[in-house]
């Protein structure tokens, strides 16, 4: 409230523009929602700029929380001029934004360049990856990355390695990069035997050892290798099941592989789910052989759920928050990985207090982020 000459005016919350590809249930999107839900929305409101026509999984919740969603054209070669024009028009029309927080890696340079042209002083580039394999998009990534130079006011990353990858070692080592932890609502993942038993009963996996994985079906997540590993596990222990949570364009191919190997009775495809904390209660071990990761939110969630995590050396070592993560080189092969899994104890640990202490609880971290935004507006 502001009182001026005896008249009391109700202040509107400041609005921060979050730039994403689409608000589906991916890692960075889940991290954003963890913070968004806990913001004091009388002070700060999130709005979202996306690059997809279709609605995202979180769109209904965003709108229920008071957020606006703006849909621009896809960012792709041949469409750049149209996209750049849309950005310029957007910032001319929307003068209410003084903070733009972009999460689209190299392509953040395009957004922040337009924001700078519009006079927006706080322009955050946030890195969520630690690597990308060489492919036909590489020249376009180089072009996009050049636009970061001179157009970023604040550098954020989910890990030191992610900061180095997007911004380079000079900027990373200069102390300019803020590592914002991919925090989760840890209490949602605290072990509850009743929840565990209920989920296992619903999935008809009572009495089984349960390996879990959460992630999009795309090359980065390495599902082909994951199935190879589980196939080797299943040869030695028929009393183990694999839960796969997520969706993506490679899902059908992985389903075909599972059927071909005769694993269809032991591998469950659960699709996109809203009950990740409950599903992790039902798991006994988290298997995550990604090609690369910045600092995956699902690894934070798995550790909050007390799960042993077995992942690849392509994943940043900063992901090991609880000393309950084992890193294995993918070149060791599926049989080697399977033996590591089979020799694990499949026992849960209660590490939530340690995670809170290390700054991975969204309840505590939201205050820091809120103060940062408010300071930038002030």
Protein backbone atom coordinates (compact mmCIF):
# COMPACT_ATOMS: atom_id res chain seq x y z
CA UNK A 1 0.00 0.00 0.00
CA UNK A 2 1.14 3.55 -0.77
CA UNK A 3 -0.51 6.54 0.94
CA UNK A 4 -0.32 9.79 -1.02
CA UNK A 5 -2.23 12.92 0.08
CA UNK A 6 -4.66 10.83 2.08
CA UNK A 7 -5.42 8.46 -0.82
CA UNK A 8 -4.39 4.83 -0.46
CA UNK A 9 -3.40 3.05 -3.68
CA UNK A 10 -2.91 -0.72 -4.01
CA UNK A 11 0.38 -1.44 -5.78
CA UNK A 12 0.37 -4.00 -8.56
CA UNK A 13 3.01 -6.75 -8.35
CA UNK A 14 6.07 -6.34 -10.53
CA UNK A 15 6.03 -8.62 -13.57
CA UNK A 16 9.08 -10.63 -14.62
CA UNK A 17 9.22 -12.11 -18.13
CA UNK A 18 10.48 -15.70 -18.19
CA UNK A 19 11.57 -16.83 -21.68
CA UNK A 20 11.31 -20.56 -22.44
CA UNK A 21 10.64 -22.80 -25.43
CA UNK A 22 7.42 -24.30 -24.04
CA UNK A 23 6.25 -24.92 -20.48
CA UNK A 24 6.21 -28.72 -20.59
CA UNK A 25 7.35 -30.92 -17.71
CA UNK A 26 11.07 -30.67 -18.38
CA UNK A 27 13.83 -29.89 -15.89
CA UNK A 28 14.14 -26.11 -16.22
CA UNK A 29 10.36 -25.73 -16.52
CA UNK A 30 9.84 -27.73 -13.32
CA UNK A 31 12.49 -25.64 -11.58
CA UNK A 32 10.72 -22.45 -12.65
CA UNK A 33 7.39 -23.75 -11.36
CA UNK A 34 9.01 -24.72 -8.03
CA UNK A 35 9.97 -21.07 -7.59
CA UNK A 36 6.80 -19.62 -9.12
CA UNK A 37 4.43 -21.50 -6.79
CA UNK A 38 6.20 -20.12 -3.73
CA UNK A 39 6.59 -16.50 -4.82
CA UNK A 40 4.66 -13.85 -2.92
CA UNK A 41 2.45 -12.98 -5.87
CA UNK A 42 1.31 -9.76 -4.24
CA UNK A 43 4.88 -8.57 -4.91
CA UNK A 44 6.10 -10.52 -7.95
CA UNK A 45 4.28 -12.17 -10.85
CA UNK A 46 5.82 -14.34 -13.58
CA UNK A 47 4.77 -14.09 -17.23
CA UNK A 48 6.10 -16.39 -19.94
CA UNK A 49 7.27 -15.95 -23.53
CA UNK A 50 7.32 -19.24 -25.48
CA UNK A 51 8.22 -20.30 -29.02
CA UNK A 52 5.48 -22.85 -29.61
CA UNK A 53 1.88 -22.48 -30.76
CA UNK A 54 0.69 -25.49 -28.75
CA UNK A 55 -0.08 -25.27 -25.04
CA UNK A 56 2.41 -26.63 -22.51
CA UNK A 57 1.65 -28.99 -19.65
CA UNK A 58 2.05 -26.20 -17.08
CA UNK A 59 -0.01 -23.56 -18.95
CA UNK A 60 -3.25 -24.15 -17.04
CA UNK A 61 -1.48 -23.81 -13.69
CA UNK A 62 0.40 -20.68 -14.83
CA UNK A 63 -2.83 -18.97 -15.84
CA UNK A 64 -4.52 -20.05 -12.60
CA UNK A 65 -1.65 -18.40 -10.69
CA UNK A 66 -2.17 -15.14 -12.61
CA UNK A 67 0.60 -15.51 -15.20
CA UNK A 68 0.32 -14.47 -18.84
CA UNK A 69 1.68 -16.57 -21.70
CA UNK A 70 2.86 -14.97 -24.96
CA UNK A 71 3.49 -17.22 -27.98
CA UNK A 72 6.04 -16.18 -30.59
CA UNK A 73 7.25 -18.02 -33.70
CA UNK A 74 9.70 -20.94 -33.45
CA UNK A 75 13.39 -20.02 -33.47
CA UNK A 76 14.83 -21.76 -36.51
CA UNK A 77 16.91 -20.97 -39.62
CA UNK A 78 14.74 -19.40 -42.28
CA UNK A 79 12.47 -17.93 -39.62
CA UNK A 80 14.96 -15.61 -37.93
CA UNK A 81 13.78 -12.35 -39.52
CA UNK A 82 10.16 -13.02 -38.59
CA UNK A 83 11.17 -13.92 -35.03
CA UNK A 84 13.39 -10.84 -34.61
CA UNK A 85 10.56 -8.61 -35.84
CA UNK A 86 8.16 -10.22 -33.36
CA UNK A 87 10.63 -9.61 -30.51
CA UNK A 88 11.01 -5.91 -31.40
CA UNK A 89 7.24 -5.48 -31.64
CA UNK A 90 6.68 -7.30 -28.35
CA UNK A 91 9.03 -5.09 -26.34
CA UNK A 92 7.65 -1.93 -27.96
CA UNK A 93 4.15 -2.97 -26.91
CA UNK A 94 5.01 -4.28 -23.44
CA UNK A 95 6.76 -1.53 -21.51
CA UNK A 96 5.88 -3.14 -18.15
CA UNK A 97 8.88 -5.48 -18.13
CA UNK A 98 12.07 -4.27 -16.48
CA UNK A 99 13.46 -7.78 -15.94
CA UNK A 100 13.76 -10.40 -18.70
CA UNK A 101 14.98 -13.82 -17.57
CA UNK A 102 15.83 -16.05 -20.54
CA UNK A 103 16.30 -19.84 -20.31
CA UNK A 104 16.80 -20.79 -23.97
CA UNK A 105 20.59 -21.16 -23.86
CA UNK A 106 22.35 -19.68 -26.92
CA UNK A 107 19.10 -18.30 -28.29
CA UNK A 108 18.83 -16.08 -25.22
CA UNK A 109 21.15 -13.72 -27.10
CA UNK A 110 18.40 -12.90 -29.60
CA UNK A 111 15.86 -12.09 -26.87
CA UNK A 112 18.24 -10.07 -24.74
CA UNK A 113 19.50 -8.09 -27.72
CA UNK A 114 15.91 -6.99 -28.44
CA UNK A 115 15.35 -6.29 -24.74
CA UNK A 116 18.45 -4.10 -24.61
CA UNK A 117 17.30 -2.20 -27.69
CA UNK A 118 14.01 -1.56 -25.85
CA UNK A 119 15.89 -0.09 -22.88
CA UNK A 120 15.42 -2.99 -20.43
CA UNK A 121 18.31 -2.89 -17.99
CA UNK A 122 18.05 -6.30 -16.30
CA UNK A 123 18.64 -8.98 -18.95
CA UNK A 124 19.39 -12.42 -17.48
CA UNK A 125 20.82 -15.29 -19.53
CA UNK A 126 20.39 -18.59 -17.66
CA UNK A 127 22.34 -21.70 -18.72
CA UNK A 128 20.78 -25.10 -18.05
CA UNK A 129 23.05 -27.37 -20.12
CA UNK A 130 26.67 -28.43 -19.93
CA UNK A 131 27.16 -29.71 -23.47
CA UNK A 132 25.52 -30.28 -26.85
CA UNK A 133 26.75 -32.79 -29.39
CA UNK A 134 27.89 -31.61 -32.82
CA UNK A 135 25.07 -31.72 -35.36
CA UNK A 136 23.67 -29.74 -38.28
CA UNK A 137 22.51 -27.00 -35.88
CA UNK A 138 26.05 -26.21 -34.69
CA UNK A 139 26.69 -23.22 -37.07
CA UNK A 140 23.38 -21.68 -36.01
CA UNK A 141 24.28 -22.15 -32.34
CA UNK A 142 27.57 -20.33 -32.95
CA UNK A 143 25.65 -17.50 -34.64
CA UNK A 144 23.16 -17.32 -31.75
CA UNK A 145 25.91 -17.39 -29.12
CA UNK A 146 27.58 -14.30 -30.65
CA UNK A 147 24.45 -12.31 -29.77
CA UNK A 148 25.03 -12.92 -26.07
CA UNK A 149 28.10 -10.67 -26.10
CA UNK A 150 27.24 -7.20 -24.86
CA UNK A 151 23.54 -7.98 -24.40
CA UNK A 152 23.58 -9.80 -21.04
CA UNK A 153 23.46 -7.84 -17.80
CA UNK A 154 23.33 -10.85 -15.43
CA UNK A 155 24.66 -14.37 -15.93
CA UNK A 156 22.91 -17.33 -14.24
CA UNK A 157 23.64 -21.06 -14.47
CA UNK A 158 22.42 -24.23 -12.78
CA UNK A 159 26.04 -25.32 -12.19
CA UNK A 160 29.58 -24.05 -12.69
CA UNK A 161 30.03 -26.37 -15.65
CA UNK A 162 26.82 -25.09 -17.27
CA UNK A 163 28.09 -21.53 -16.87
CA UNK A 164 31.39 -22.36 -18.52
CA UNK A 165 29.65 -24.09 -21.42
CA UNK A 166 27.40 -21.18 -22.39
CA UNK A 167 29.39 -18.13 -21.31
CA UNK A 168 32.97 -19.35 -21.59
CA UNK A 169 35.64 -19.82 -18.94
CA UNK A 170 36.70 -16.17 -18.85
CA UNK A 171 33.27 -14.96 -17.76
CA UNK A 172 32.73 -17.98 -15.53
CA UNK A 173 36.05 -17.52 -13.75
CA UNK A 174 35.50 -13.78 -13.35
CA UNK A 175 32.84 -14.33 -10.70
CA UNK A 176 30.10 -12.83 -12.86
CA UNK A 177 28.05 -16.04 -13.04
CA UNK A 178 25.49 -16.71 -10.31
CA UNK A 179 24.84 -20.41 -9.73
CA UNK A 180 21.14 -20.68 -8.94
CA UNK A 181 20.47 -24.15 -7.60
CA UNK A 182 17.76 -26.24 -9.24
CA UNK A 183 15.89 -26.34 -5.96
CA UNK A 184 12.86 -28.55 -5.28
CA UNK A 185 10.13 -28.70 -2.67
CA UNK A 186 12.01 -31.23 -0.55
CA UNK A 187 9.11 -31.98 1.81
CA UNK A 188 7.11 -33.43 -1.09
CA UNK A 189 9.82 -36.08 -1.51
CA UNK A 190 10.24 -37.07 2.14
CA UNK A 191 9.75 -40.83 2.54
CA UNK A 192 6.21 -41.95 3.32
CA UNK A 193 5.66 -45.69 3.54
CA UNK A 194 1.90 -45.40 3.03
CA UNK A 195 2.40 -43.48 -0.24
CA UNK A 196 5.04 -45.98 -1.37
CA UNK A 197 2.81 -48.98 -0.74
CA UNK A 198 -0.19 -47.33 -2.41
CA UNK A 199 1.72 -46.49 -5.62
CA UNK A 200 3.36 -49.92 -5.80
CA UNK A 201 -0.04 -51.54 -5.37
CA UNK A 202 -1.57 -49.39 -8.14
CA UNK A 203 1.30 -50.23 -10.50
CA UNK A 204 1.20 -53.93 -9.51
CA UNK A 205 4.89 -53.93 -8.57
CA UNK A 206 4.62 -55.03 -4.93
CA UNK A 207 7.55 -57.14 -3.80
CA UNK A 208 9.71 -56.03 -6.75
CA UNK A 209 12.94 -54.07 -6.89
CA UNK A 210 12.12 -50.91 -8.81
CA UNK A 211 14.49 -48.90 -10.99
CA UNK A 212 13.24 -45.51 -12.13
CA UNK A 213 14.00 -42.94 -14.82
CA UNK A 214 12.33 -39.58 -15.52
CA UNK A 215 13.10 -37.67 -18.70
CA UNK A 216 12.13 -36.79 -22.25
CA UNK A 217 12.60 -39.46 -24.89
CA UNK A 218 15.34 -37.69 -26.83
CA UNK A 219 18.99 -38.55 -27.64
CA UNK A 220 20.39 -36.61 -24.66
CA UNK A 221 18.63 -38.89 -22.16
CA UNK A 222 20.12 -42.01 -23.80
CA UNK A 223 17.12 -44.35 -23.47
CA UNK A 224 18.59 -46.86 -25.94
CA UNK A 225 21.52 -47.48 -23.63
CA UNK A 226 19.23 -47.46 -20.61
CA UNK A 227 17.24 -50.35 -22.10
CA UNK A 228 20.47 -52.20 -22.94
CA UNK A 229 21.51 -51.88 -19.29
CA UNK A 230 18.14 -53.08 -18.03
CA UNK A 231 18.23 -56.01 -20.44
CA UNK A 232 21.53 -57.13 -18.85
CA UNK A 233 20.03 -56.63 -15.38
CA UNK A 234 16.96 -58.67 -16.28
CA UNK A 235 19.07 -61.60 -17.50
CA UNK A 236 20.41 -61.96 -13.95
CA UNK A 237 17.39 -60.91 -11.88
CA UNK A 238 13.83 -61.35 -13.17
CA UNK A 239 12.45 -59.71 -10.01
CA UNK A 240 13.29 -56.14 -11.10
CA UNK A 241 11.08 -53.66 -12.99
CA UNK A 242 11.90 -50.39 -14.77
CA UNK A 243 9.59 -47.36 -14.63
CA UNK A 244 10.00 -44.85 -17.46
CA UNK A 245 8.33 -41.47 -16.91
CA UNK A 246 8.10 -38.95 -19.74
CA UNK A 247 7.28 -38.51 -23.40
CA UNK A 248 9.11 -37.53 -26.58
CA UNK A 249 9.64 -38.32 -30.23
CA UNK A 250 11.82 -41.40 -29.52
CA UNK A 251 9.28 -43.07 -27.24
CA UNK A 252 7.79 -45.30 -29.94
CA UNK A 253 11.25 -46.47 -30.98
CA UNK A 254 12.13 -47.37 -27.38
CA UNK A 255 8.81 -49.21 -26.96
CA UNK A 256 9.64 -51.26 -30.06
CA UNK A 257 13.06 -52.12 -28.62
CA UNK A 258 11.55 -53.17 -25.29
CA UNK A 259 9.08 -55.45 -27.07
CA UNK A 260 11.77 -56.93 -29.30
CA UNK A 261 13.89 -57.81 -26.25
CA UNK A 262 10.90 -59.39 -24.50
CA UNK A 263 10.99 -56.87 -21.65
CA UNK A 264 7.43 -55.56 -22.08
CA UNK A 265 6.20 -57.20 -18.85
CA UNK A 266 9.01 -55.61 -16.83
CA UNK A 267 9.25 -52.10 -18.33
CA UNK A 268 6.42 -49.66 -17.60
CA UNK A 269 5.92 -46.57 -19.82
CA UNK A 270 4.07 -44.15 -17.55
CA UNK A 271 3.95 -41.09 -19.81
CA UNK A 272 3.92 -37.50 -18.53
CA UNK A 273 2.94 -37.50 -14.86
CA UNK A 274 2.08 -34.94 -12.22
CA UNK A 275 2.84 -37.29 -9.31
CA UNK A 276 6.64 -37.50 -9.61
CA UNK A 277 7.19 -37.28 -5.80
CA UNK A 278 4.82 -40.22 -5.25
CA UNK A 279 6.37 -42.27 -8.07
CA UNK A 280 9.84 -41.73 -6.61
CA UNK A 281 8.53 -43.09 -3.31
CA UNK A 282 7.85 -46.35 -5.16
CA UNK A 283 11.36 -46.53 -6.66
CA UNK A 284 14.42 -48.14 -5.09
CA UNK A 285 17.15 -46.80 -7.40
CA UNK A 286 17.38 -44.05 -10.03
CA UNK A 287 19.21 -44.89 -13.28
CA UNK A 288 20.16 -41.84 -15.37
CA UNK A 289 22.68 -42.50 -18.19
CA UNK A 290 22.38 -39.13 -19.92
CA UNK A 291 24.89 -38.08 -22.54
CA UNK A 292 25.21 -34.72 -20.74
CA UNK A 293 23.38 -32.55 -18.17
CA UNK A 294 23.84 -29.14 -16.57
CA UNK A 295 22.38 -30.14 -13.23
CA UNK A 296 19.21 -32.15 -13.79
CA UNK A 297 16.23 -31.31 -11.59
CA UNK A 298 15.18 -34.96 -11.57
CA UNK A 299 18.52 -35.90 -10.00
CA UNK A 300 17.84 -33.38 -7.23
CA UNK A 301 14.35 -34.84 -6.80
CA UNK A 302 15.67 -38.41 -6.73
CA UNK A 303 18.17 -37.54 -4.00
CA UNK A 304 15.43 -35.76 -2.02
CA UNK A 305 13.47 -39.02 -2.27
CA UNK A 306 16.47 -40.83 -0.77
CA UNK A 307 17.35 -42.79 -3.91
CA UNK A 308 20.78 -43.98 -4.93
CA UNK A 309 21.49 -42.40 -8.34
CA UNK A 310 23.66 -44.07 -10.96
CA UNK A 311 24.51 -41.68 -13.77
CA UNK A 312 27.13 -41.04 -16.46
CA UNK A 313 30.37 -39.08 -16.31
CA UNK A 314 28.76 -36.73 -18.85
CA UNK A 315 26.72 -35.34 -15.96
CA UNK A 316 28.33 -32.60 -13.88
CA UNK A 317 29.81 -33.79 -10.56
CA UNK A 318 27.97 -30.91 -8.89
CA UNK A 319 24.86 -33.09 -9.25
CA UNK A 320 26.05 -35.21 -6.33
CA UNK A 321 24.50 -33.29 -3.43
CA UNK A 322 24.17 -36.16 -0.95
CA UNK A 323 27.22 -38.34 -1.68
CA UNK A 324 24.73 -40.92 -2.94
CA UNK A 325 25.47 -40.57 -6.66
CA UNK A 326 27.75 -42.88 -8.64
CA UNK A 327 29.24 -41.69 -11.95
CA UNK A 328 30.13 -44.29 -14.62
CA UNK A 329 31.66 -43.78 -18.05
CA UNK A 330 29.26 -44.78 -20.82
CA UNK A 331 32.12 -46.50 -22.66
CA UNK A 332 32.18 -49.17 -19.94
CA UNK A 333 29.19 -50.76 -21.64
CA UNK A 334 25.78 -52.06 -20.61
CA UNK A 335 26.95 -55.21 -18.81
CA UNK A 336 29.35 -53.24 -16.59
CA UNK A 337 26.58 -50.78 -15.74
CA UNK A 338 24.21 -53.64 -14.97
CA UNK A 339 26.67 -55.17 -12.49
CA UNK A 340 27.00 -51.82 -10.70
CA UNK A 341 23.21 -51.63 -10.38
CA UNK A 342 22.87 -55.23 -9.18
CA UNK A 343 25.58 -54.70 -6.56
CA UNK A 344 23.80 -51.65 -5.14
CA UNK A 345 21.89 -52.03 -1.86
CA UNK A 346 18.59 -50.52 -3.11
CA UNK A 347 18.11 -48.81 0.28
CA UNK A 348 16.76 -45.30 0.75
CA UNK A 349 18.58 -42.57 2.69
CA UNK A 350 17.02 -39.58 4.41
CA UNK A 351 19.19 -36.72 3.14
CA UNK A 352 16.61 -33.92 3.07
CA UNK A 353 18.19 -31.90 5.89
CA UNK A 354 21.54 -32.08 4.08
CA UNK A 355 19.91 -30.87 0.86
CA UNK A 356 18.29 -27.96 2.66
CA UNK A 357 21.65 -27.06 4.21
CA UNK A 358 23.30 -27.11 0.77
CA UNK A 359 20.68 -24.78 -0.70
CA UNK A 360 18.47 -27.14 -2.71
CA UNK A 361 15.13 -26.38 -1.06
CA UNK A 362 12.87 -24.06 -3.05
CA UNK A 363 11.24 -22.60 0.09
CA UNK A 364 14.54 -21.02 1.14
CA UNK A 365 15.83 -20.17 -2.34
CA UNK A 366 12.72 -18.32 -3.47
CA UNK A 367 13.52 -15.50 -1.03
CA UNK A 368 16.92 -14.93 -2.65
CA UNK A 369 15.43 -14.83 -6.14
CA UNK A 370 12.58 -12.54 -5.04
CA UNK A 371 15.02 -10.13 -3.43
CA UNK A 372 17.12 -10.14 -6.61
CA UNK A 373 14.15 -9.21 -8.82
CA UNK A 374 12.90 -6.54 -6.41
CA UNK A 375 16.36 -5.00 -6.17
CA UNK A 376 16.59 -4.83 -9.97
CA UNK A 377 13.22 -3.06 -10.16
CA UNK A 378 14.18 -0.64 -7.40
